[in-house]
Amino acid sequence: MAKPPAPLEIPPPAADSTLAQRFTLDPFHILQLSPSATARELDLAGAHLIAALERGTPGAGRYDTPFGPRARDPDLVDFAADELANHERRIVHEIWARLAVRTTPVAPLAAPPPWTGGERALGWRRR
């Protein structure tokens, strides 16, 4: 009998690089709203998500981003609501939020093999 697959570990957005956080910490992704959402919809979504996280509702602790799913907590929901309350920052987030999201994680690129001929090419080692 086949063993069931291991549960998917969802990384927190803070584990991402600074550039990746531009995508994974987008408030529209965190709140699962479109950039055309009204201020009332933003408030309702934030309150609904915080209540769902406090109740332990399945699926409330994750959200989809262009880099795959990420973990969500009440502090992250508050951050997203605060970011979108500022009109100048909201405009920037609206642009970034229009990127497609992924429900499966993105595999990191494999590291290139080390360049073993570097010292010789730079004259630091005899040929």
N, C-alpha and C. Protein backbone atom coordinates (compact mmCIF):
# COMPACT_ATOMS: atom_id res chain seq x y z
N MET A 1 0.83 -1.16 0.00
CA MET A 1 0.00 0.00 0.00
C MET A 1 0.89 1.24 0.00
N ALA A 2 0.53 2.22 -0.83
CA ALA A 2 1.34 3.43 -0.97
C ALA A 2 1.18 4.32 0.25
N LYS A 3 2.28 4.93 0.62
CA LYS A 3 2.28 5.84 1.75
C LYS A 3 1.68 7.18 1.31
N PRO A 4 0.83 7.82 2.13
CA PRO A 4 0.27 9.11 1.71
C PRO A 4 1.38 10.16 1.62
N PRO A 5 1.21 11.12 0.71
CA PRO A 5 2.25 12.15 0.57
C PRO A 5 2.35 12.99 1.83
N ALA A 6 3.56 13.47 2.08
CA ALA A 6 3.80 14.33 3.23
C ALA A 6 3.05 15.64 3.04
N PRO A 7 2.55 16.23 4.12
CA PRO A 7 1.85 17.50 3.96
C PRO A 7 2.80 18.58 3.45
N LEU A 8 2.26 19.45 2.64
CA LEU A 8 3.05 20.53 2.06
C LEU A 8 3.42 21.54 3.14
N GLU A 9 4.70 21.81 3.27
CA GLU A 9 5.14 22.83 4.22
C GLU A 9 5.04 24.18 3.53
N ILE A 10 4.30 25.07 4.13
CA ILE A 10 4.10 26.39 3.56
C ILE A 10 5.03 27.36 4.27
N PRO A 11 5.97 27.95 3.53
CA PRO A 11 6.91 28.86 4.19
C PRO A 11 6.26 30.20 4.53
N PRO A 12 6.72 30.84 5.58
CA PRO A 12 6.23 32.19 5.86
C PRO A 12 6.85 33.16 4.87
N PRO A 13 6.19 34.27 4.56
CA PRO A 13 6.76 35.22 3.60
C PRO A 13 8.09 35.79 4.06
N ALA A 14 8.33 35.84 5.36
CA ALA A 14 9.60 36.39 5.86
C ALA A 14 10.79 35.53 5.46
N ALA A 15 10.55 34.28 5.06
CA ALA A 15 11.64 33.38 4.65
C ALA A 15 12.10 33.69 3.22
N ASP A 16 11.36 34.52 2.51
CA ASP A 16 11.70 34.84 1.12
C ASP A 16 12.77 35.93 1.06
N SER A 17 13.45 36.00 -0.08
CA SER A 17 14.42 37.07 -0.29
C SER A 17 13.70 38.41 -0.35
N THR A 18 14.44 39.48 -0.29
CA THR A 18 13.84 40.82 -0.31
C THR A 18 13.05 41.04 -1.60
N LEU A 19 13.59 40.61 -2.72
CA LEU A 19 12.89 40.77 -3.99
C LEU A 19 11.63 39.91 -4.02
N ALA A 20 11.71 38.68 -3.56
CA ALA A 20 10.54 37.79 -3.57
C ALA A 20 9.45 38.32 -2.65
N GLN A 21 9.83 39.01 -1.58
CA GLN A 21 8.82 39.55 -0.67
C GLN A 21 7.96 40.61 -1.34
N ARG A 22 8.46 41.25 -2.38
CA ARG A 22 7.64 42.21 -3.13
C ARG A 22 6.39 41.50 -3.66
N PHE A 23 6.53 40.22 -4.01
CA PHE A 23 5.42 39.45 -4.54
C PHE A 23 4.65 38.72 -3.43
N THR A 24 5.36 38.16 -2.48
CA THR A 24 4.71 37.32 -1.47
C THR A 24 4.06 38.11 -0.35
N LEU A 25 4.44 39.36 -0.16
CA LEU A 25 3.82 40.19 0.87
C LEU A 25 2.84 41.20 0.29
N ASP A 26 2.33 40.95 -0.90
CA ASP A 26 1.38 41.86 -1.50
C ASP A 26 0.06 41.78 -0.73
N PRO A 27 -0.44 42.91 -0.23
CA PRO A 27 -1.66 42.89 0.60
C PRO A 27 -2.88 42.31 -0.10
N PHE A 28 -2.99 42.49 -1.41
CA PHE A 28 -4.15 41.93 -2.12
C PHE A 28 -4.11 40.41 -2.11
N HIS A 29 -2.91 39.84 -2.21
CA HIS A 29 -2.79 38.38 -2.12
C HIS A 29 -3.10 37.91 -0.71
N ILE A 30 -2.59 38.62 0.29
CA ILE A 30 -2.81 38.23 1.68
C ILE A 30 -4.30 38.24 2.01
N LEU A 31 -5.01 39.27 1.57
CA LEU A 31 -6.44 39.39 1.86
C LEU A 31 -7.31 38.66 0.85
N GLN A 32 -6.72 38.11 -0.19
CA GLN A 32 -7.42 37.39 -1.25
C GLN A 32 -8.49 38.27 -1.89
N LEU A 33 -8.09 39.47 -2.27
CA LEU A 33 -8.98 40.41 -2.92
C LEU A 33 -8.39 40.89 -4.23
N SER A 34 -9.24 41.37 -5.11
CA SER A 34 -8.75 41.94 -6.37
C SER A 34 -8.37 43.40 -6.14
N PRO A 35 -7.53 43.96 -7.00
CA PRO A 35 -7.14 45.35 -6.85
C PRO A 35 -8.31 46.33 -6.98
N SER A 36 -9.44 45.89 -7.49
CA SER A 36 -10.60 46.77 -7.63
C SER A 36 -11.49 46.76 -6.38
N ALA A 37 -11.06 46.11 -5.31
CA ALA A 37 -11.87 46.02 -4.09
C ALA A 37 -12.06 47.40 -3.46
N THR A 38 -13.25 47.60 -2.90
CA THR A 38 -13.55 48.87 -2.23
C THR A 38 -12.97 48.85 -0.82
N ALA A 39 -12.97 50.03 -0.19
CA ALA A 39 -12.47 50.12 1.19
C ALA A 39 -13.32 49.27 2.12
N ARG A 40 -14.61 49.22 1.89
CA ARG A 40 -15.51 48.40 2.72
C ARG A 40 -15.17 46.91 2.56
N GLU A 41 -14.92 46.48 1.33
CA GLU A 41 -14.55 45.08 1.10
C GLU A 41 -13.23 44.73 1.79
N LEU A 42 -12.29 45.67 1.79
CA LEU A 42 -11.01 45.45 2.46
C LEU A 42 -11.20 45.27 3.96
N ASP A 43 -12.02 46.13 4.56
CA ASP A 43 -12.28 46.02 5.99
C ASP A 43 -12.96 44.70 6.34
N LEU A 44 -13.96 44.32 5.54
CA LEU A 44 -14.68 43.07 5.80
C LEU A 44 -13.77 41.85 5.64
N ALA A 45 -12.93 41.88 4.60
CA ALA A 45 -12.03 40.75 4.36
C ALA A 45 -11.04 40.61 5.50
N GLY A 46 -10.47 41.74 5.96
CA GLY A 46 -9.52 41.69 7.07
C GLY A 46 -10.16 41.13 8.33
N ALA A 47 -11.35 41.62 8.67
CA ALA A 47 -12.04 41.13 9.87
C ALA A 47 -12.41 39.66 9.74
N HIS A 48 -12.86 39.27 8.55
CA HIS A 48 -13.24 37.87 8.32
C HIS A 48 -12.02 36.95 8.46
N LEU A 49 -10.89 37.34 7.89
CA LEU A 49 -9.69 36.50 7.95
C LEU A 49 -9.15 36.39 9.37
N ILE A 50 -9.15 37.48 10.11
CA ILE A 50 -8.66 37.42 11.49
C ILE A 50 -9.55 36.51 12.32
N ALA A 51 -10.87 36.60 12.13
CA ALA A 51 -11.79 35.72 12.86
C ALA A 51 -11.57 34.26 12.46
N ALA A 52 -11.36 34.01 11.18
CA ALA A 52 -11.12 32.64 10.71
C ALA A 52 -9.82 32.08 11.27
N LEU A 53 -8.78 32.91 11.35
CA LEU A 53 -7.51 32.46 11.91
C LEU A 53 -7.65 32.17 13.40
N GLU A 54 -8.40 32.99 14.12
CA GLU A 54 -8.59 32.75 15.55
C GLU A 54 -9.40 31.49 15.81
N ARG A 55 -10.36 31.18 14.93
CA ARG A 55 -11.15 29.95 15.06
C ARG A 55 -10.38 28.72 14.61
N GLY A 56 -9.32 28.92 13.84
CA GLY A 56 -8.56 27.79 13.31
C GLY A 56 -9.22 27.17 12.09
N THR A 57 -9.93 27.97 11.32
CA THR A 57 -10.60 27.50 10.12
C THR A 57 -9.57 26.93 9.14
N PRO A 58 -9.80 25.70 8.64
CA PRO A 58 -8.85 25.13 7.67
C PRO A 58 -8.72 26.03 6.44
N GLY A 59 -7.50 26.23 6.00
CA GLY A 59 -7.22 27.04 4.82
C GLY A 59 -7.02 28.51 5.11
N ALA A 60 -7.38 28.96 6.31
CA ALA A 60 -7.23 30.38 6.63
C ALA A 60 -5.76 30.74 6.83
N GLY A 61 -4.94 29.79 7.18
CA GLY A 61 -3.54 30.04 7.46
C GLY A 61 -2.64 30.02 6.25
N ARG A 62 -3.21 30.06 5.03
CA ARG A 62 -2.39 30.08 3.82
C ARG A 62 -3.02 30.98 2.78
N TYR A 63 -2.18 31.49 1.88
CA TYR A 63 -2.66 32.27 0.75
C TYR A 63 -1.74 32.03 -0.43
N ASP A 64 -2.24 32.23 -1.64
CA ASP A 64 -1.47 31.97 -2.85
C ASP A 64 -0.78 33.24 -3.34
N THR A 65 0.45 33.06 -3.85
CA THR A 65 1.25 34.16 -4.38
C THR A 65 1.85 33.73 -5.71
N PRO A 66 2.51 34.64 -6.44
CA PRO A 66 3.20 34.22 -7.67
C PRO A 66 4.31 33.19 -7.42
N PHE A 67 4.78 33.06 -6.16
CA PHE A 67 5.82 32.10 -5.82
C PHE A 67 5.26 30.87 -5.12
N GLY A 68 3.96 30.68 -5.15
CA GLY A 68 3.35 29.54 -4.48
C GLY A 68 2.73 29.96 -3.15
N PRO A 69 2.16 29.01 -2.42
CA PRO A 69 1.46 29.35 -1.17
C PRO A 69 2.41 29.84 -0.08
N ARG A 70 1.90 30.71 0.77
CA ARG A 70 2.63 31.23 1.91
C ARG A 70 1.73 31.18 3.14
N ALA A 71 2.35 31.17 4.33
CA ALA A 71 1.62 31.11 5.60
C ALA A 71 1.08 32.50 5.96
N ARG A 72 -0.14 32.52 6.51
CA ARG A 72 -0.77 33.78 6.90
C ARG A 72 -1.09 33.74 8.39
N ASP A 73 -0.89 34.87 9.08
CA ASP A 73 -1.24 34.98 10.49
C ASP A 73 -1.94 36.32 10.71
N PRO A 74 -2.53 36.56 11.90
CA PRO A 74 -3.25 37.82 12.13
C PRO A 74 -2.39 39.08 11.95
N ASP A 75 -1.12 39.00 12.31
CA ASP A 75 -0.24 40.17 12.13
C ASP A 75 -0.08 40.52 10.65
N LEU A 76 -0.01 39.49 9.82
CA LEU A 76 0.12 39.70 8.38
C LEU A 76 -1.15 40.32 7.81
N VAL A 77 -2.30 39.89 8.31
CA VAL A 77 -3.57 40.47 7.86
C VAL A 77 -3.65 41.93 8.27
N ASP A 78 -3.24 42.26 9.49
CA ASP A 78 -3.22 43.66 9.93
C ASP A 78 -2.28 44.50 9.08
N PHE A 79 -1.10 43.94 8.77
CA PHE A 79 -0.15 44.63 7.90
C PHE A 79 -0.79 44.95 6.55
N ALA A 80 -1.46 43.96 5.96
CA ALA A 80 -2.08 44.14 4.64
C ALA A 80 -3.16 45.21 4.69
N ALA A 81 -3.99 45.18 5.72
CA ALA A 81 -5.05 46.18 5.85
C ALA A 81 -4.46 47.58 6.01
N ASP A 82 -3.41 47.72 6.79
CA ASP A 82 -2.76 49.02 6.99
C ASP A 82 -2.13 49.54 5.69
N GLU A 83 -1.50 48.64 4.94
CA GLU A 83 -0.88 49.04 3.68
C GLU A 83 -1.92 49.56 2.70
N LEU A 84 -3.07 48.90 2.63
CA LEU A 84 -4.07 49.30 1.66
C LEU A 84 -4.90 50.50 2.12
N ALA A 85 -4.80 50.84 3.39
CA ALA A 85 -5.50 52.03 3.88
C ALA A 85 -4.79 53.31 3.41
N ASN A 86 -3.49 53.20 3.13
CA ASN A 86 -2.73 54.34 2.62
C ASN A 86 -2.89 54.38 1.10
N HIS A 87 -3.48 55.45 0.57
CA HIS A 87 -3.81 55.51 -0.86
C HIS A 87 -2.58 55.48 -1.76
N GLU A 88 -1.49 56.11 -1.35
CA GLU A 88 -0.28 56.12 -2.18
C GLU A 88 0.33 54.73 -2.27
N ARG A 89 0.40 54.02 -1.14
CA ARG A 89 0.98 52.67 -1.17
C ARG A 89 0.04 51.70 -1.87
N ARG A 90 -1.26 51.93 -1.78
CA ARG A 90 -2.23 51.04 -2.41
C ARG A 90 -2.03 51.02 -3.93
N ILE A 91 -1.74 52.16 -4.52
CA ILE A 91 -1.55 52.22 -5.97
C ILE A 91 -0.41 51.30 -6.40
N VAL A 92 0.68 51.31 -5.66
CA VAL A 92 1.82 50.45 -5.99
C VAL A 92 1.41 48.98 -5.85
N HIS A 93 0.69 48.66 -4.79
CA HIS A 93 0.27 47.27 -4.57
C HIS A 93 -0.73 46.81 -5.64
N GLU A 94 -1.54 47.72 -6.15
CA GLU A 94 -2.49 47.35 -7.20
C GLU A 94 -1.76 46.87 -8.45
N ILE A 95 -0.65 47.52 -8.76
CA ILE A 95 0.14 47.12 -9.94
C ILE A 95 0.74 45.73 -9.72
N TRP A 96 1.36 45.50 -8.56
CA TRP A 96 1.99 44.22 -8.29
C TRP A 96 0.97 43.09 -8.17
N ALA A 97 -0.22 43.39 -7.70
CA ALA A 97 -1.23 42.35 -7.47
C ALA A 97 -1.80 41.80 -8.77
N ARG A 98 -1.58 42.46 -9.86
CA ARG A 98 -2.13 41.97 -11.14
C ARG A 98 -1.33 40.80 -11.72
N LEU A 99 -0.24 40.42 -11.08
CA LEU A 99 0.52 39.26 -11.54
C LEU A 99 -0.22 37.98 -11.17
N ALA A 100 -0.08 36.98 -11.99
CA ALA A 100 -0.76 35.71 -11.75
C ALA A 100 -0.23 35.04 -10.48
N VAL A 101 -1.10 34.29 -9.80
CA VAL A 101 -0.69 33.57 -8.60
C VAL A 101 -0.56 32.09 -8.91
N ARG A 102 0.19 31.38 -8.06
CA ARG A 102 0.41 29.94 -8.21
C ARG A 102 -0.09 29.24 -6.97
N THR A 103 -0.69 28.07 -7.18
CA THR A 103 -1.13 27.27 -6.03
C THR A 103 -0.12 26.21 -5.67
N THR A 104 0.91 26.04 -6.51
CA THR A 104 1.97 25.08 -6.20
C THR A 104 3.28 25.86 -6.02
N PRO A 105 4.13 25.42 -5.12
CA PRO A 105 5.38 26.15 -4.89
C PRO A 105 6.30 26.14 -6.11
N VAL A 106 7.11 27.16 -6.20
CA VAL A 106 8.12 27.24 -7.25
C VAL A 106 9.39 26.60 -6.71
N ALA A 107 9.93 25.64 -7.45
CA ALA A 107 11.17 24.99 -7.01
C ALA A 107 12.33 25.94 -7.21
N PRO A 108 13.20 26.07 -6.21
CA PRO A 108 14.35 26.96 -6.39
C PRO A 108 15.29 26.43 -7.47
N LEU A 109 15.97 27.35 -8.12
CA LEU A 109 16.91 26.96 -9.17
C LEU A 109 18.10 26.23 -8.55
N ALA A 110 18.61 25.25 -9.27
CA ALA A 110 19.78 24.52 -8.79
C ALA A 110 21.00 25.43 -8.87
N ALA A 111 21.86 25.32 -7.90
CA ALA A 111 23.08 26.13 -7.89
C ALA A 111 23.99 25.66 -9.02
N PRO A 112 24.63 26.59 -9.71
CA PRO A 112 25.54 26.18 -10.78
C PRO A 112 26.76 25.50 -10.18
N PRO A 113 27.40 24.61 -10.94
CA PRO A 113 28.60 23.96 -10.41
C PRO A 113 29.70 25.00 -10.23
N PRO A 114 30.60 24.78 -9.29
CA PRO A 114 31.68 25.75 -9.07
C PRO A 114 32.60 25.81 -10.28
N TRP A 115 33.17 26.97 -10.50
CA TRP A 115 34.10 27.17 -11.61
C TRP A 115 35.48 26.77 -11.12
N THR A 116 35.91 25.62 -11.50
CA THR A 116 37.18 25.09 -10.99
C THR A 116 38.40 25.69 -11.70
N GLY A 117 38.22 26.28 -12.86
CA GLY A 117 39.36 26.83 -13.58
C GLY A 117 39.61 28.30 -13.30
N GLY A 118 38.93 28.87 -12.32
CA GLY A 118 39.04 30.30 -12.05
C GLY A 118 40.43 30.74 -11.64
N GLU A 119 41.04 30.02 -10.71
CA GLU A 119 42.37 30.42 -10.23
C GLU A 119 43.39 30.36 -11.35
N ARG A 120 43.30 29.33 -12.15
CA ARG A 120 44.25 29.18 -13.26
C ARG A 120 44.02 30.28 -14.29
N ALA A 121 42.76 30.61 -14.59
CA ALA A 121 42.44 31.63 -15.59
C ALA A 121 42.90 33.02 -15.14
N LEU A 122 42.92 33.26 -13.85
CA LEU A 122 43.34 34.56 -13.33
C LEU A 122 44.83 34.62 -13.03
N GLY A 123 45.54 33.53 -13.28
CA GLY A 123 46.98 33.52 -13.09
C GLY A 123 47.41 33.28 -11.66
N TRP A 124 46.54 32.80 -10.82
CA TRP A 124 46.87 32.56 -9.43
C TRP A 124 47.45 31.17 -9.20
N ARG A 125 47.40 30.34 -10.21
CA ARG A 125 47.91 28.98 -10.09
C ARG A 125 48.65 28.65 -11.38
N ARG A 126 49.67 27.84 -11.25
CA ARG A 126 50.43 27.46 -12.44
C ARG A 126 49.54 26.65 -13.38
N ARG A 127 49.86 26.74 -14.63
CA ARG A 127 49.09 26.03 -15.65
C ARG A 127 49.54 24.63 -15.66
